[in-house]
C-alpha atoms as a PDB file:
ATOM      1  CA  MET A   1     -24.572  -3.889  31.528  1.00  0.00           C
ATOM      2  CA  ALA A   2     -21.532  -2.319  33.200  1.00  0.00           C
ATOM      3  CA  ASP A   3     -18.056  -3.680  32.440  1.00  0.00           C
ATOM      4  CA  GLN A   4     -17.645  -5.009  35.985  1.00  0.00           C
ATOM      5  CA  ASP A   5     -20.828  -7.075  35.566  1.00  0.00           C
ATOM      6  CA  LEU A   6     -19.506  -9.086  32.595  1.00  0.00           C
ATOM      7  CA  THR A   7     -18.914 -12.809  33.031  1.00  0.00           C
ATOM      8  CA  LYS A   8     -15.616 -14.496  32.193  1.00  0.00           C
ATOM      9  CA  ALA A   9     -17.164 -15.862  28.996  1.00  0.00           C
ATOM     10  CA  GLN A  10     -18.282 -12.390  27.968  1.00  0.00           C
ATOM     11  CA  TRP A  11     -14.824 -10.969  28.695  1.00  0.00           C
ATOM     12  CA  ARG A  12     -13.286 -13.794  26.661  1.00  0.00           C
ATOM     13  CA  ARG A  13     -15.613 -13.119  23.707  1.00  0.00           C
ATOM     14  CA  ARG A  14     -14.855  -9.410  23.940  1.00  0.00           C
ATOM     15  CA  ALA A  15     -11.105 -10.123  23.994  1.00  0.00           C
ATOM     16  CA  LEU A  16     -11.341 -12.508  21.029  1.00  0.00           C
ATOM     17  CA  ARG A  17     -13.370  -9.951  19.075  1.00  0.00           C
ATOM     18  CA  ALA A  18     -10.783  -7.265  19.853  1.00  0.00           C
ATOM     19  CA  GLU A  19      -7.945  -9.564  18.752  1.00  0.00           C
ATOM     20  CA  LYS A  20      -9.752 -10.261  15.494  1.00  0.00           C
ATOM     21  CA  GLU A  21     -10.235  -6.523  14.891  1.00  0.00           C
ATOM     22  CA  VAL A  22      -6.543  -5.887  15.552  1.00  0.00           C
ATOM     23  CA  GLU A  23      -5.595  -8.654  13.103  1.00  0.00           C
ATOM     24  CA  THR A  24      -7.941  -7.193  10.469  1.00  0.00           C
ATOM     25  CA  LEU A  25      -6.421  -3.730  10.910  1.00  0.00           C
ATOM     26  CA  ARG A  26      -2.908  -5.216  10.695  1.00  0.00           C
ATOM     27  CA  ARG A  27      -3.818  -6.898   7.411  1.00  0.00           C
ATOM     28  CA  PHE A  28      -5.248  -3.641   6.045  1.00  0.00           C
ATOM     29  CA  ARG A  29      -2.035  -1.796   6.944  1.00  0.00           C
ATOM     30  CA  GLU A  30       0.067  -4.554   5.413  1.00  0.00           C
ATOM     31  CA  PHE A  31      -2.005  -4.403   2.217  1.00  0.00           C
ATOM     32  CA  ASP A  32      -1.779  -0.594   2.115  1.00  0.00           C
ATOM     33  CA  GLY A  33       1.979  -0.755   2.540  1.00  0.00           C
ATOM     34  CA  ARG A  34       2.320  -3.332  -0.209  1.00  0.00           C
ATOM     35  CA  MET A  35       0.155  -1.244  -2.549  1.00  0.00           C
ATOM     36  CA  ALA A  36       2.183   1.898  -1.774  1.00  0.00           C
ATOM     37  CA  ARG A  37       5.434   0.063  -2.585  1.00  0.00           C
ATOM     38  CA  GLU A  38       3.981  -1.322  -5.815  1.00  0.00           C
ATOM     39  CA  ASN A  39       2.733   2.129  -6.835  1.00  0.00           C
ATOM     40  CA  ALA A  40       6.150   3.644  -6.106  1.00  0.00           C
ATOM     41  CA  GLU A  41       7.811   0.972  -8.270  1.00  0.00           C
ATOM     42  CA  VAL A  42       5.371   1.592 -11.136  1.00  0.00           C
ATOM     43  CA  CYS A  43       5.947   5.356 -10.923  1.00  0.00           C
ATOM     44  CA  ALA A  44       9.695   4.837 -10.953  1.00  0.00           C
ATOM     45  CA  ARG A  45       9.517   2.541 -14.003  1.00  0.00           C
ATOM     46  CA  GLN A  46       7.270   5.018 -15.798  1.00  0.00           C
ATOM     47  CA  ALA A  47       9.632   7.883 -15.003  1.00  0.00           C
ATOM     48  CA  VAL A  48      12.572   5.919 -16.426  1.00  0.00           C
ATOM     49  CA  ALA A  49      10.583   4.981 -19.530  1.00  0.00           C
ATOM     50  CA  LEU A  50       9.525   8.603 -20.060  1.00  0.00           C
ATOM     51  CA  GLN A  51      13.116   9.779 -19.685  1.00  0.00           C
ATOM     52  CA  GLU A  52      14.257   7.199 -22.250  1.00  0.00           C
ATOM     53  CA  ILE A  53      11.518   8.302 -24.665  1.00  0.00           C
ATOM     54  CA  GLU A  54      12.509  11.949 -24.245  1.00  0.00           C
ATOM     55  CA  GLU A  55      16.160  11.091 -24.861  1.00  0.00           C
ATOM     56  CA  SER A  56      15.233   9.101 -27.993  1.00  0.00           C
ATOM     57  CA  LEU A  57      13.124  11.977 -29.325  1.00  0.00           C
ATOM     58  CA  GLN A  58      15.968  14.427 -28.708  1.00  0.00           C
ATOM     59  CA  ALA A  59      18.365  12.130 -30.575  1.00  0.00           C
ATOM     60  CA  MET A  60      15.941  11.807 -33.512  1.00  0.00           C
ATOM     61  CA  ARG A  61      15.479  15.592 -33.641  1.00  0.00           C
ATOM     62  CA  GLY A  62      19.247  15.956 -33.753  1.00  0.00           C
ATOM     63  CA  ASP A  63      19.465  13.452 -36.617  1.00  0.00           C
ATOM     64  CA  ILE A  64      16.663  15.179 -38.546  1.00  0.00           C
ATOM     65  CA  ASN A  65      18.065  18.675 -38.004  1.00  0.00           C
ATOM     66  CA  GLY A  66      21.484  17.268 -38.649  1.00  0.00           C
END
């Protein structure tokens, strides 16, 4: 069936389906963005923790080597 042969009801269903797909894609992007931010925060916290551990180890080596 060609596009020009569609009834108003068919066009409406097609439009509603397209709107639902757009909303689904928007939610996926929103979720991806949220996950990316959370991952960046975790990486930043881990980097700080690792730096603090390295600094503590250096301080202990200095105390041991005195």
